[in-house]
Amino acid sequence: MARFPLSTMSSLIDTSVRYDLAESTCPALRLDEIVDPTGLAALTLGYGTSPGDAELRALVAADTGVRPGQVLLTTGAAGAMSLLALDRTPGRVLVVGPCFPPTGTVPAGLGAAVDVVSARFDDGYRLPIDAVAARLTGTTRLVSLASPQNPSGVRYSGEELAALLDVVAERAAPDAIVLVDETYRACTYGAAPVPPSAAPRSPRVVTCSSLSKAHGAPGLRLGWLTVTDAELYERLRNAKFLTSISGARIDEVLGAAVLRRQREILAPRAAFLAGTLATLTAWVETAPVDLVRPDGGALCCLRLSPEEIPDRAVPAFYARLAELDTRVEPGGTFGEPDRVFRLGFGHLPEPDFAEALTRLGAAVDAAATRAR
């Protein structure tokens, strides 16, 4: 029997379509945008250290409000979450959904009992504090959530996070920690500032992030954890060493180059996302769909109108979309009904994005016609 369930999300990188609205990244960086490629010729490809490159950890620390010695470099944010899952099992893990599927499936595959508390589309995906409190137990060792959320792009307020920490302290096991996935934190719109990290809030808080989404560098496979509890940091560093020894030296050098130029990399992406989000918002006003407006990230959740498109017509929507060489990510991937879907508005160039929305509209119309 497989330890981990088959993930349908692997199709996002293993197969391609002409108009990909399922992808959740910003435009990809080119190597020559961050370094002179010829300058890499002298880089020695020996082992790195188990914590990771010192300069890169210092850059992450300055950005998140912790010390360099509290940053652990990982293989993407997915690698960060996997290390933490290894440390937290056995025991119970509480996941706030909808969420990136491995948030729950990896701990479950490692033997944890996973409780899922789902935020609701109709509530704007706000943090369901009372429901979380009701599911916490004395054996809960990890509470996991993302801010901004994947798939909705909803960011939790400081007040919501403070309330969460309070209920975890009151009701969960003494060593329970809160993982805040901040992969989309730096992904803002227009002139909006990047909000502060949750990293320094409490020794009970661990954050993870990466260069994959906001910075457009998923090919580097570079992420990190911030861990302000010294004992927990050492356990995670040792687990990383035992499972991978160190990160890829070239990835860490290039990652430092990205963060040194972070402002100039993020600014045009923020302007681009503001434009495509405005285009999407205008399109939504003409279609029988509902939108939870995102606070950050290159992604959001839409829902086929329950009043105009009944459940029996939803398959027609996806069938027509496939015929049009276009895709979105169905809500079932994230624990939602398939009438909800994740749409990425940061991956396609603006002309292609406009065409993709035209094709999306045709698929919505096909579902609405099927319902009549």
Protein backbone atom coordinates (compact mmCIF):
# COMPACT_ATOMS: atom_id res chain seq x y z
CA MET A 1 0.00 0.00 0.00
CA ALA A 2 1.30 3.47 -0.91
CA ARG A 3 2.32 5.60 2.04
CA PHE A 4 1.36 8.81 0.25
CA PRO A 5 -1.78 9.16 -1.90
CA LEU A 6 -1.36 9.88 -5.59
CA SER A 7 -1.37 13.64 -6.14
CA THR A 8 -3.31 15.00 -9.09
CA MET A 9 -1.34 18.25 -8.75
CA SER A 10 1.72 16.65 -10.35
CA SER A 11 0.01 17.32 -13.69
CA LEU A 12 0.72 21.03 -13.18
CA ILE A 13 4.42 20.42 -13.86
CA ASP A 14 4.24 17.15 -15.79
CA THR A 15 1.77 18.22 -18.49
CA SER A 16 1.09 21.52 -20.19
CA VAL A 17 -1.81 23.34 -21.82
CA ARG A 18 -1.81 26.45 -24.00
CA TYR A 19 -3.69 28.63 -21.53
CA ASP A 20 -2.71 27.58 -18.02
CA LEU A 21 -4.84 29.30 -15.37
CA ALA A 22 -4.07 26.57 -12.84
CA GLU A 23 -0.47 27.73 -12.30
CA SER A 24 0.06 29.88 -9.21
CA THR A 25 3.48 31.46 -9.77
CA CYS A 26 4.58 34.90 -10.92
CA PRO A 27 6.50 35.23 -14.22
CA ALA A 28 9.66 33.13 -14.09
CA LEU A 29 13.02 34.81 -13.65
CA ARG A 30 15.80 34.29 -16.18
CA LEU A 31 19.30 33.56 -14.93
CA ASP A 32 20.73 36.64 -16.64
CA GLU A 33 18.27 38.84 -14.70
CA ILE A 34 20.06 38.08 -11.44
CA VAL A 35 23.67 37.20 -12.29
CA ASP A 36 26.19 37.16 -15.10
CA PRO A 37 26.06 33.44 -16.02
CA THR A 38 29.76 33.47 -16.95
CA GLY A 39 30.55 34.46 -13.37
CA LEU A 40 29.28 31.10 -12.16
CA ALA A 41 32.09 29.29 -13.94
CA ALA A 42 34.41 29.66 -10.94
CA LEU A 43 31.88 28.42 -8.39
CA THR A 44 33.12 25.30 -6.62
CA LEU A 45 30.46 22.62 -6.29
CA GLY A 46 31.38 21.17 -2.91
CA TYR A 47 29.01 20.49 -0.05
CA GLY A 48 27.28 23.40 1.61
CA THR A 49 26.54 23.46 5.35
CA SER A 50 23.56 21.81 6.97
CA PRO A 51 21.94 25.16 7.99
CA GLY A 52 22.61 26.60 4.53
CA ASP A 53 24.55 29.49 2.99
CA ALA A 54 25.37 32.15 5.59
CA GLU A 55 24.67 35.15 3.33
CA LEU A 56 21.33 33.80 2.22
CA ARG A 57 20.27 33.03 5.78
CA ALA A 58 21.23 36.58 6.78
CA LEU A 59 19.11 38.00 3.95
CA VAL A 60 16.12 35.87 4.97
CA ALA A 61 16.61 36.84 8.61
CA ALA A 62 16.65 40.55 7.80
CA ASP A 63 13.45 40.15 5.80
CA THR A 64 11.58 38.15 8.45
CA GLY A 65 12.76 39.78 11.68
CA VAL A 66 14.73 36.87 13.17
CA ARG A 67 18.44 36.11 13.57
CA PRO A 68 20.44 34.29 10.84
CA GLY A 69 20.96 31.40 13.24
CA GLN A 70 17.18 30.95 13.35
CA VAL A 71 16.90 30.36 9.57
CA LEU A 72 17.21 26.85 8.11
CA LEU A 73 17.42 26.55 4.32
CA THR A 74 15.36 23.77 2.74
CA THR A 75 14.39 22.27 -0.59
CA GLY A 76 11.53 24.65 -1.28
CA ALA A 77 8.72 25.31 1.18
CA ALA A 78 7.55 21.73 0.55
CA GLY A 79 10.84 20.47 1.96
CA ALA A 80 10.43 22.77 4.94
CA MET A 81 6.96 21.40 5.70
CA SER A 82 8.19 17.82 5.32
CA LEU A 83 11.01 18.34 7.83
CA LEU A 84 8.54 19.75 10.32
CA ALA A 85 6.11 16.87 9.72
CA LEU A 86 8.93 14.43 10.47
CA ASP A 87 9.57 16.17 13.78
CA ARG A 88 5.90 16.39 14.77
CA THR A 89 4.89 12.76 14.21
CA PRO A 90 3.51 10.71 15.80
CA GLY A 91 0.76 12.85 17.28
CA ARG A 92 -2.06 14.96 15.93
CA VAL A 93 -1.78 17.65 13.27
CA LEU A 94 -4.50 20.22 12.76
CA VAL A 95 -4.63 21.71 9.26
CA VAL A 96 -6.64 24.80 8.37
CA GLY A 97 -8.15 24.28 4.93
CA PRO A 98 -8.58 24.67 2.10
CA CYS A 99 -4.87 24.18 1.70
CA PHE A 100 -1.97 22.95 -0.38
CA PRO A 101 -2.63 19.17 -0.25
CA PRO A 102 0.78 18.00 1.08
CA THR A 103 0.12 20.10 4.19
CA GLY A 104 -2.09 17.23 5.33
CA THR A 105 -1.07 14.24 3.22
CA VAL A 106 2.63 14.29 4.18
CA PRO A 107 2.00 14.21 7.97
CA ALA A 108 -0.66 11.53 7.43
CA GLY A 109 1.77 9.46 5.38
CA LEU A 110 4.30 9.73 8.19
CA GLY A 111 1.79 8.41 10.72
CA ALA A 112 0.16 11.53 12.17
CA ALA A 113 -3.56 11.77 12.83
CA VAL A 114 -4.67 14.74 10.76
CA ASP A 115 -7.65 16.92 11.67
CA VAL A 116 -8.86 19.37 9.02
CA VAL A 117 -10.81 22.51 9.90
CA SER A 118 -12.02 24.21 6.76
CA ALA A 119 -12.65 27.89 6.21
CA ARG A 120 -15.65 28.63 3.98
CA PHE A 121 -16.00 30.38 0.65
CA ASP A 122 -19.16 32.14 1.89
CA ASP A 123 -17.21 33.53 4.86
CA GLY A 124 -14.44 34.88 2.64
CA TYR A 125 -12.12 32.12 3.90
CA ARG A 126 -11.54 33.94 7.20
CA LEU A 127 -9.80 31.95 9.94
CA PRO A 128 -12.44 29.84 11.78
CA ILE A 129 -11.05 30.35 15.28
CA ASP A 130 -13.94 28.70 17.15
CA ALA A 131 -13.82 25.62 14.95
CA VAL A 132 -10.04 25.36 15.40
CA ALA A 133 -10.41 25.66 19.18
CA ALA A 134 -13.00 22.89 19.20
CA ARG A 135 -10.65 20.45 17.39
CA LEU A 136 -7.49 21.06 19.43
CA THR A 137 -6.54 18.27 21.83
CA GLY A 138 -3.83 17.48 24.32
CA THR A 139 -2.07 15.43 21.64
CA THR A 140 -2.09 18.15 18.95
CA ARG A 141 1.56 18.83 18.14
CA LEU A 142 1.22 21.00 15.04
CA VAL A 143 -1.30 23.54 13.76
CA SER A 144 -0.67 24.38 10.11
CA LEU A 145 -2.05 27.22 8.00
CA ALA A 146 -0.99 29.48 5.16
CA SER A 147 -1.16 33.27 4.97
CA PRO A 148 -1.85 34.27 2.24
CA GLN A 149 -3.76 31.08 1.75
CA ASN A 150 -3.29 28.62 -1.07
CA PRO A 151 -5.70 28.44 -2.95
CA SER A 152 -7.60 31.64 -2.05
CA GLY A 153 -4.91 34.29 -1.55
CA VAL A 154 -6.65 35.42 1.67
CA ARG A 155 -4.23 36.83 4.26
CA TYR A 156 -4.97 36.42 7.96
CA SER A 157 -4.83 39.56 10.07
CA GLY A 158 -2.51 40.05 13.03
CA GLU A 159 -5.55 39.83 15.28
CA GLU A 160 -6.54 36.46 13.81
CA LEU A 161 -3.04 35.04 14.29
CA ALA A 162 -2.91 36.37 17.87
CA ALA A 163 -6.25 34.71 18.63
CA LEU A 164 -4.99 31.45 17.14
CA LEU A 165 -1.86 31.50 19.29
CA ASP A 166 -4.01 32.14 22.36
CA VAL A 167 -6.27 29.13 21.77
CA VAL A 168 -3.32 26.86 20.95
CA ALA A 169 -1.63 27.90 24.20
CA GLU A 170 -4.83 27.27 26.14
CA ARG A 171 -6.05 24.01 24.61
CA ALA A 172 -3.25 22.12 22.86
CA ALA A 173 -0.35 20.04 24.07
CA PRO A 174 2.45 21.99 25.76
CA ASP A 175 4.86 21.51 22.85
CA ALA A 176 2.33 22.26 20.08
CA ILE A 177 3.63 24.71 17.48
CA VAL A 178 1.99 26.81 14.80
CA LEU A 179 3.35 26.65 11.25
CA VAL A 180 2.54 29.71 9.15
CA ASP A 181 3.26 29.08 5.48
CA GLU A 182 4.25 32.50 4.12
CA THR A 183 5.09 31.41 0.58
CA TYR A 184 2.96 34.23 -0.88
CA ARG A 185 3.77 36.92 1.72
CA ALA A 186 5.98 38.94 -0.64
CA CYS A 187 3.43 38.68 -3.46
CA THR A 188 1.58 42.02 -3.30
CA TYR A 189 -0.39 44.23 -5.68
CA GLY A 190 0.66 47.62 -7.01
CA ALA A 191 2.27 49.86 -4.38
CA ALA A 192 1.04 47.82 -1.39
CA PRO A 193 3.91 47.10 1.03
CA VAL A 194 5.01 43.58 1.87
CA PRO A 195 3.42 42.80 5.27
CA PRO A 196 5.62 41.74 8.19
CA SER A 197 6.39 38.09 8.80
CA ALA A 198 4.82 36.16 11.67
CA ALA A 199 8.28 34.72 12.45
CA PRO A 200 9.10 36.86 15.53
CA ARG A 201 5.64 36.60 17.11
CA SER A 202 6.35 33.70 19.46
CA PRO A 203 8.75 30.77 20.02
CA ARG A 204 5.67 28.66 19.29
CA VAL A 205 5.58 30.03 15.72
CA VAL A 206 7.54 28.49 12.84
CA THR A 207 7.26 29.97 9.37
CA CYS A 208 8.17 28.60 5.97
CA SER A 209 8.56 30.27 2.62
CA SER A 210 10.46 30.01 -0.65
CA LEU A 211 11.55 31.81 -3.80
CA SER A 212 9.12 29.83 -5.94
CA LYS A 213 6.02 32.01 -6.09
CA ALA A 214 6.46 35.75 -5.48
CA HIS A 215 10.01 35.85 -6.87
CA GLY A 216 9.34 33.59 -9.85
CA ALA A 217 12.20 31.15 -9.16
CA PRO A 218 10.62 27.71 -8.58
CA GLY A 219 13.44 26.10 -10.54
CA LEU A 220 15.89 26.88 -7.74
CA ARG A 221 13.98 24.60 -5.33
CA LEU A 222 14.98 26.86 -2.46
CA GLY A 223 12.97 27.55 0.67
CA TRP A 224 13.46 28.05 4.39
CA LEU A 225 12.12 27.67 7.88
CA THR A 226 12.36 30.31 10.60
CA VAL A 227 12.58 28.66 14.02
CA THR A 228 13.11 30.78 17.13
CA ASP A 229 13.06 27.81 19.55
CA ALA A 230 16.71 26.72 19.73
CA GLU A 231 16.00 23.09 20.63
CA LEU A 232 13.49 22.67 17.80
CA TYR A 233 15.89 24.35 15.35
CA GLU A 234 18.63 21.87 16.20
CA ARG A 235 16.32 18.89 15.73
CA LEU A 236 15.22 20.16 12.33
CA ARG A 237 18.79 20.97 11.27
CA ASN A 238 19.85 17.44 12.22
CA ALA A 239 16.88 15.94 10.35
CA LYS A 240 17.87 17.92 7.27
CA PHE A 241 21.46 16.69 7.53
CA LEU A 242 20.38 13.07 7.92
CA THR A 243 18.00 13.21 4.95
CA SER A 244 19.87 15.47 2.49
CA ILE A 245 23.22 16.52 4.10
CA SER A 246 22.97 20.05 2.69
CA GLY A 247 21.26 22.08 0.04
CA ALA A 248 22.53 22.56 -3.51
CA ARG A 249 25.41 25.05 -3.42
CA ILE A 250 24.50 26.64 -6.76
CA ASP A 251 20.86 27.10 -5.71
CA GLU A 252 21.90 28.89 -2.54
CA VAL A 253 24.31 31.21 -4.36
CA LEU A 254 21.63 32.09 -6.88
CA GLY A 255 19.05 32.46 -4.11
CA ALA A 256 21.22 35.05 -2.40
CA ALA A 257 21.48 36.91 -5.70
CA VAL A 258 17.67 36.95 -5.93
CA LEU A 259 17.19 38.31 -2.41
CA ARG A 260 19.89 40.96 -2.86
CA ARG A 261 17.79 42.29 -5.76
CA GLN A 262 14.44 41.57 -4.14
CA ARG A 263 13.00 45.09 -4.44
CA GLU A 264 13.64 45.39 -8.16
CA ILE A 265 12.38 41.86 -8.77
CA LEU A 266 9.15 42.22 -6.79
CA ALA A 267 8.11 45.72 -7.90
CA PRO A 268 7.32 44.94 -11.56
CA ARG A 269 5.59 41.71 -10.52
CA ALA A 270 3.39 43.63 -8.07
CA ALA A 271 2.44 46.08 -10.83
CA PHE A 272 1.73 43.19 -13.21
CA LEU A 273 -0.46 41.39 -10.66
CA ALA A 274 -2.44 44.55 -9.94
CA GLY A 275 -3.23 44.77 -13.65
CA THR A 276 -4.22 41.15 -14.14
CA LEU A 277 -6.30 41.15 -10.95
CA ALA A 278 -8.17 44.21 -12.24
CA THR A 279 -8.77 42.40 -15.55
CA LEU A 280 -10.05 39.35 -13.69
CA THR A 281 -12.32 41.42 -11.44
CA ALA A 282 -13.88 43.09 -14.46
CA TRP A 283 -14.41 39.70 -16.13
CA VAL A 284 -16.11 38.30 -13.01
CA GLU A 285 -18.71 41.06 -13.19
CA THR A 286 -19.84 39.71 -16.58
CA ALA A 287 -19.97 35.99 -15.71
CA PRO A 288 -22.09 33.76 -13.43
CA VAL A 289 -19.20 33.22 -11.01
CA ASP A 290 -18.36 34.44 -7.51
CA LEU A 291 -14.92 35.62 -6.42
CA VAL A 292 -13.26 35.81 -3.01
CA ARG A 293 -10.92 38.73 -3.59
CA PRO A 294 -7.35 37.80 -2.64
CA ASP A 295 -5.14 39.87 -0.34
CA GLY A 296 -1.89 38.58 -1.80
CA GLY A 297 -0.44 35.95 -4.08
CA ALA A 298 -0.89 35.22 -7.76
CA LEU A 299 -3.99 33.10 -7.17
CA CYS A 300 -7.59 33.22 -5.99
CA CYS A 301 -10.75 31.15 -5.65
CA LEU A 302 -13.79 31.47 -7.87
CA ARG A 303 -17.06 29.59 -7.71
CA LEU A 304 -19.54 28.71 -10.43
CA SER A 305 -22.79 30.36 -9.36
CA PRO A 306 -24.97 27.81 -7.51
CA GLU A 307 -28.06 29.71 -8.67
CA GLU A 308 -27.23 29.42 -12.38
CA ILE A 309 -25.07 26.29 -12.61
CA PRO A 310 -26.26 23.24 -10.64
CA ASP A 311 -23.93 20.45 -9.60
CA ARG A 312 -24.94 18.25 -12.53
CA ALA A 313 -23.60 20.88 -14.97
CA VAL A 314 -20.17 21.32 -13.35
CA PRO A 315 -18.55 18.45 -15.33
CA ALA A 316 -19.56 20.22 -18.55
CA PHE A 317 -17.52 23.23 -17.44
CA TYR A 318 -14.33 21.19 -17.07
CA ALA A 319 -14.97 19.21 -20.25
CA ARG A 320 -15.37 22.35 -22.33
CA LEU A 321 -12.32 23.95 -20.72
CA ALA A 322 -10.20 20.92 -21.69
CA GLU A 323 -11.46 21.17 -25.27
CA LEU A 324 -10.27 24.80 -25.29
CA ASP A 325 -6.74 23.80 -24.20
CA THR A 326 -7.21 25.72 -20.96
CA ARG A 327 -7.24 24.64 -17.33
CA VAL A 328 -7.91 25.76 -13.80
CA GLU A 329 -7.31 23.71 -10.65
CA PRO A 330 -10.53 22.05 -9.41
CA GLY A 331 -11.59 22.69 -5.84
CA GLY A 332 -11.48 18.97 -5.08
CA THR A 333 -7.68 19.23 -5.02
CA PHE A 334 -7.97 21.46 -1.96
CA GLY A 335 -10.92 19.81 -0.20
CA GLU A 336 -13.57 22.04 -1.79
CA PRO A 337 -16.43 21.15 -4.15
CA ASP A 338 -15.38 21.23 -7.80
CA ARG A 339 -17.67 24.18 -8.51
CA VAL A 340 -14.95 26.12 -6.66
CA PHE A 341 -11.69 26.40 -8.56
CA ARG A 342 -8.28 28.00 -8.12
CA LEU A 343 -7.27 30.48 -10.80
CA GLY A 344 -3.76 31.85 -11.21
CA PHE A 345 -3.40 35.35 -12.63
CA GLY A 346 0.37 35.76 -12.49
CA HIS A 347 1.66 33.12 -14.88
CA LEU A 348 0.41 34.12 -18.33
CA PRO A 349 1.42 37.31 -20.18
CA GLU A 350 -1.42 39.84 -20.25
CA PRO A 351 -2.60 39.15 -23.84
CA ASP A 352 -2.65 35.40 -23.15
CA PHE A 353 -4.41 36.00 -19.84
CA ALA A 354 -7.15 37.95 -21.62
CA GLU A 355 -7.58 35.12 -24.13
CA ALA A 356 -7.63 32.57 -21.34
CA LEU A 357 -10.48 34.45 -19.64
CA THR A 358 -12.38 34.46 -22.93
CA ARG A 359 -12.02 30.69 -23.08
CA LEU A 360 -12.94 30.37 -19.42
CA GLY A 361 -16.10 32.35 -20.17
CA ALA A 362 -16.96 29.95 -22.99
CA ALA A 363 -16.63 27.02 -20.58
CA VAL A 364 -18.83 28.76 -18.01
CA ASP A 365 -21.41 29.41 -20.73
CA ALA A 366 -21.31 25.74 -21.71
CA ALA A 367 -22.12 24.75 -18.13
CA ALA A 368 -24.91 27.30 -17.89
CA THR A 369 -26.40 26.09 -21.21
CA ARG A 370 -26.21 22.48 -20.02
CA ALA A 371 -28.18 23.50 -16.90
CA ARG A 372 -31.14 24.80 -18.90
